Amino acid sequence: QSTWDSLLAEEMWADGWRRVVSTGIVLDCVEMMRARCVDKPGLEWEQDDCTKSKFADASFHLLLDKGTLDAIACAGGEPMSAMSAEAARVAAPGGAWLCFSHS
């Protein structure tokens, strides 16, 4: 998830999810969300590039995308392929990538 005015991660936390890692490429936004959620242990905010992620292989059981692929699609084929490859790489065996598109 990388939408800075979204409450999705906080709502997931309120529903009982205790490890939610949200990412974004803009450090100022990541820091703003870290500060906003300081009272919610298990909500993590990391600066990352979804086309060349810093996360290790098989790091996540579930990946949620709310519009990032839509934005990447504007750049054409290579960034979309890179994002897809990174999603496959960081997903644990049997994991899922849920992509919510606004297109």
C-alpha atoms as a PDB file:
ATOM      1  CA  GLN A   1       0.000   0.000   0.000  1.00  0.00           C
ATOM      2  CA  SER A   2       1.362   3.396  -0.800  1.00  0.00           C
ATOM      3  CA  THR A   3      -1.453   5.926  -0.538  1.00  0.00           C
ATOM      4  CA  TRP A   4      -0.679   8.610   2.009  1.00  0.00           C
ATOM      5  CA  ASP A   5      -4.183   9.764   2.775  1.00  0.00           C
ATOM      6  CA  SER A   6      -5.520   6.202   3.011  1.00  0.00           C
ATOM      7  CA  LEU A   7      -6.610   4.652   6.279  1.00  0.00           C
ATOM      8  CA  LEU A   8      -6.349   1.086   4.936  1.00  0.00           C
ATOM      9  CA  ALA A   9      -3.351   0.028   7.056  1.00  0.00           C
ATOM     10  CA  GLU A  10      -4.841   1.571  10.177  1.00  0.00           C
ATOM     11  CA  GLU A  11      -8.202  -0.096   9.506  1.00  0.00           C
ATOM     12  CA  MET A  12      -6.450  -3.440   8.979  1.00  0.00           C
ATOM     13  CA  TRP A  13      -4.653  -2.924  12.304  1.00  0.00           C
ATOM     14  CA  ALA A  14      -7.974  -2.136  14.012  1.00  0.00           C
ATOM     15  CA  ASP A  15      -9.379  -5.375  12.534  1.00  0.00           C
ATOM     16  CA  GLY A  16      -6.594  -7.421  14.109  1.00  0.00           C
ATOM     17  CA  TRP A  17      -3.786  -7.501  11.537  1.00  0.00           C
ATOM     18  CA  ARG A  18      -0.631  -7.082  13.575  1.00  0.00           C
ATOM     19  CA  ARG A  19       2.013  -6.789  10.874  1.00  0.00           C
ATOM     20  CA  VAL A  20       1.240  -4.468   8.012  1.00  0.00           C
ATOM     21  CA  VAL A  21       4.154  -3.096   5.992  1.00  0.00           C
ATOM     22  CA  SER A  22       3.270  -0.124   3.810  1.00  0.00           C
ATOM     23  CA  THR A  23       5.669   1.269   1.256  1.00  0.00           C
ATOM     24  CA  GLY A  24       6.150   4.393  -0.765  1.00  0.00           C
ATOM     25  CA  ILE A  25       8.885   5.965  -2.804  1.00  0.00           C
ATOM     26  CA  VAL A  26       8.644   9.457  -1.235  1.00  0.00           C
ATOM     27  CA  LEU A  27      10.525   9.574   2.080  1.00  0.00           C
ATOM     28  CA  ASP A  28       8.635  12.611   3.416  1.00  0.00           C
ATOM     29  CA  CYS A  29       5.351  10.729   3.042  1.00  0.00           C
ATOM     30  CA  VAL A  30       6.765   7.600   4.671  1.00  0.00           C
ATOM     31  CA  GLU A  31       7.974   9.632   7.641  1.00  0.00           C
ATOM     32  CA  MET A  32       4.602  11.400   7.931  1.00  0.00           C
ATOM     33  CA  MET A  33       2.797   8.042   8.117  1.00  0.00           C
ATOM     34  CA  ARG A  34       5.300   6.647  10.624  1.00  0.00           C
ATOM     35  CA  ALA A  35       4.576   9.619  12.869  1.00  0.00           C
ATOM     36  CA  ARG A  36       0.820   9.302  12.404  1.00  0.00           C
ATOM     37  CA  CYS A  37       0.847   5.615  13.382  1.00  0.00           C
ATOM     38  CA  VAL A  38       3.448   5.645  16.140  1.00  0.00           C
ATOM     39  CA  ASP A  39       0.842   4.331  18.608  1.00  0.00           C
ATOM     40  CA  LYS A  40       0.057   1.239  16.491  1.00  0.00           C
ATOM     41  CA  PRO A  41       2.747  -1.420  16.991  1.00  0.00           C
ATOM     42  CA  GLY A  42       3.111  -3.640  13.959  1.00  0.00           C
ATOM     43  CA  LEU A  43       2.323  -0.948  11.394  1.00  0.00           C
ATOM     44  CA  GLU A  44       5.534  -0.373   9.467  1.00  0.00           C
ATOM     45  CA  TRP A  45       6.251   2.274   6.852  1.00  0.00           C
ATOM     46  CA  GLU A  46       9.213   1.816   4.527  1.00  0.00           C
ATOM     47  CA  GLN A  47      10.601   3.794   1.641  1.00  0.00           C
ATOM     48  CA  ASP A  48      10.883   1.395  -1.286  1.00  0.00           C
ATOM     49  CA  ASP A  49      10.757   1.237  -5.068  1.00  0.00           C
ATOM     50  CA  CYS A  50       8.280  -1.388  -6.226  1.00  0.00           C
ATOM     51  CA  THR A  51      10.271  -1.944  -9.436  1.00  0.00           C
ATOM     52  CA  LYS A  52      13.434  -2.869  -7.504  1.00  0.00           C
ATOM     53  CA  SER A  53      12.418  -3.639  -3.941  1.00  0.00           C
ATOM     54  CA  LYS A  54      14.827  -3.830  -1.020  1.00  0.00           C
ATOM     55  CA  PHE A  55      12.808  -6.622   0.613  1.00  0.00           C
ATOM     56  CA  ALA A  56      14.131 -10.176   0.653  1.00  0.00           C
ATOM     57  CA  ASP A  57      12.682 -12.986  -1.426  1.00  0.00           C
ATOM     58  CA  ALA A  58       9.469 -14.488  -0.024  1.00  0.00           C
ATOM     59  CA  SER A  59       8.998 -11.699   2.548  1.00  0.00           C
ATOM     60  CA  PHE A  60       5.201 -11.422   2.401  1.00  0.00           C
ATOM     61  CA  HIS A  61       2.176 -13.707   2.290  1.00  0.00           C
ATOM     62  CA  LEU A  62      -0.099 -10.988   0.933  1.00  0.00           C
ATOM     63  CA  LEU A  63       0.676  -7.969  -1.216  1.00  0.00           C
ATOM     64  CA  LEU A  64      -1.964  -5.268  -1.687  1.00  0.00           C
ATOM     65  CA  ASP A  65      -1.722  -2.668  -4.411  1.00  0.00           C
ATOM     66  CA  LYS A  66      -4.173   0.221  -4.498  1.00  0.00           C
ATOM     67  CA  GLY A  67      -3.397   2.047  -7.690  1.00  0.00           C
ATOM     68  CA  THR A  68       0.382   1.795  -7.972  1.00  0.00           C
ATOM     69  CA  LEU A  69       0.152  -0.464 -11.013  1.00  0.00           C
ATOM     70  CA  ASP A  70      -2.199   2.086 -12.599  1.00  0.00           C
ATOM     71  CA  ALA A  71       0.412   4.805 -12.123  1.00  0.00           C
ATOM     72  CA  ILE A  72       3.257   2.575 -13.339  1.00  0.00           C
ATOM     73  CA  ALA A  73       1.228   1.641 -16.419  1.00  0.00           C
ATOM     74  CA  CYS A  74       1.485   5.235 -17.613  1.00  0.00           C
ATOM     75  CA  ALA A  75       5.235   4.685 -18.094  1.00  0.00           C
ATOM     76  CA  GLY A  76       4.742   1.675 -20.351  1.00  0.00           C
ATOM     77  CA  GLY A  77       5.922  -1.917 -20.450  1.00  0.00           C
ATOM     78  CA  GLU A  78       9.285  -2.107 -18.670  1.00  0.00           C
ATOM     79  CA  PRO A  79       8.231  -0.630 -15.290  1.00  0.00           C
ATOM     80  CA  MET A  80       5.091  -2.809 -15.293  1.00  0.00           C
ATOM     81  CA  SER A  81       7.176  -5.909 -15.958  1.00  0.00           C
ATOM     82  CA  ALA A  82       9.657  -4.917 -13.248  1.00  0.00           C
ATOM     83  CA  MET A  83       6.878  -4.359 -10.697  1.00  0.00           C
ATOM     84  CA  SER A  84       5.285  -7.704 -11.553  1.00  0.00           C
ATOM     85  CA  ALA A  85       8.622  -9.500 -11.248  1.00  0.00           C
ATOM     86  CA  GLU A  86       9.311  -7.876  -7.875  1.00  0.00           C
ATOM     87  CA  ALA A  87       5.842  -8.770  -6.589  1.00  0.00           C
ATOM     88  CA  ALA A  88       6.460 -12.400  -7.563  1.00  0.00           C
ATOM     89  CA  ARG A  89       9.889 -12.325  -5.921  1.00  0.00           C
ATOM     90  CA  VAL A  90       8.839 -10.862  -2.560  1.00  0.00           C
ATOM     91  CA  ALA A  91       5.688 -13.005  -2.295  1.00  0.00           C
ATOM     92  CA  ALA A  92       6.081 -16.121  -0.165  1.00  0.00           C
ATOM     93  CA  PRO A  93       5.281 -19.481  -1.762  1.00  0.00           C
ATOM     94  CA  GLY A  94       1.498 -19.695  -1.962  1.00  0.00           C
ATOM     95  CA  GLY A  95       1.246 -15.928  -1.378  1.00  0.00           C
ATOM     96  CA  ALA A  96      -1.106 -13.597  -3.218  1.00  0.00           C
ATOM     97  CA  TRP A  97      -0.856 -10.212  -4.923  1.00  0.00           C
ATOM     98  CA  LEU A  98      -4.168  -8.345  -4.871  1.00  0.00           C
ATOM     99  CA  CYS A  99      -4.174  -5.414  -7.256  1.00  0.00           C
ATOM    100  CA  PHE A 100      -7.011  -2.899  -7.040  1.00  0.00           C
ATOM    101  CA  SER A 101      -7.194  -0.881 -10.224  1.00  0.00           C
ATOM    102  CA  HIS A 102      -8.989   2.384 -10.757  1.00  0.00           C
ATOM    103  CA  SER A 103      -8.755   2.072 -14.537  1.00  0.00           C
END
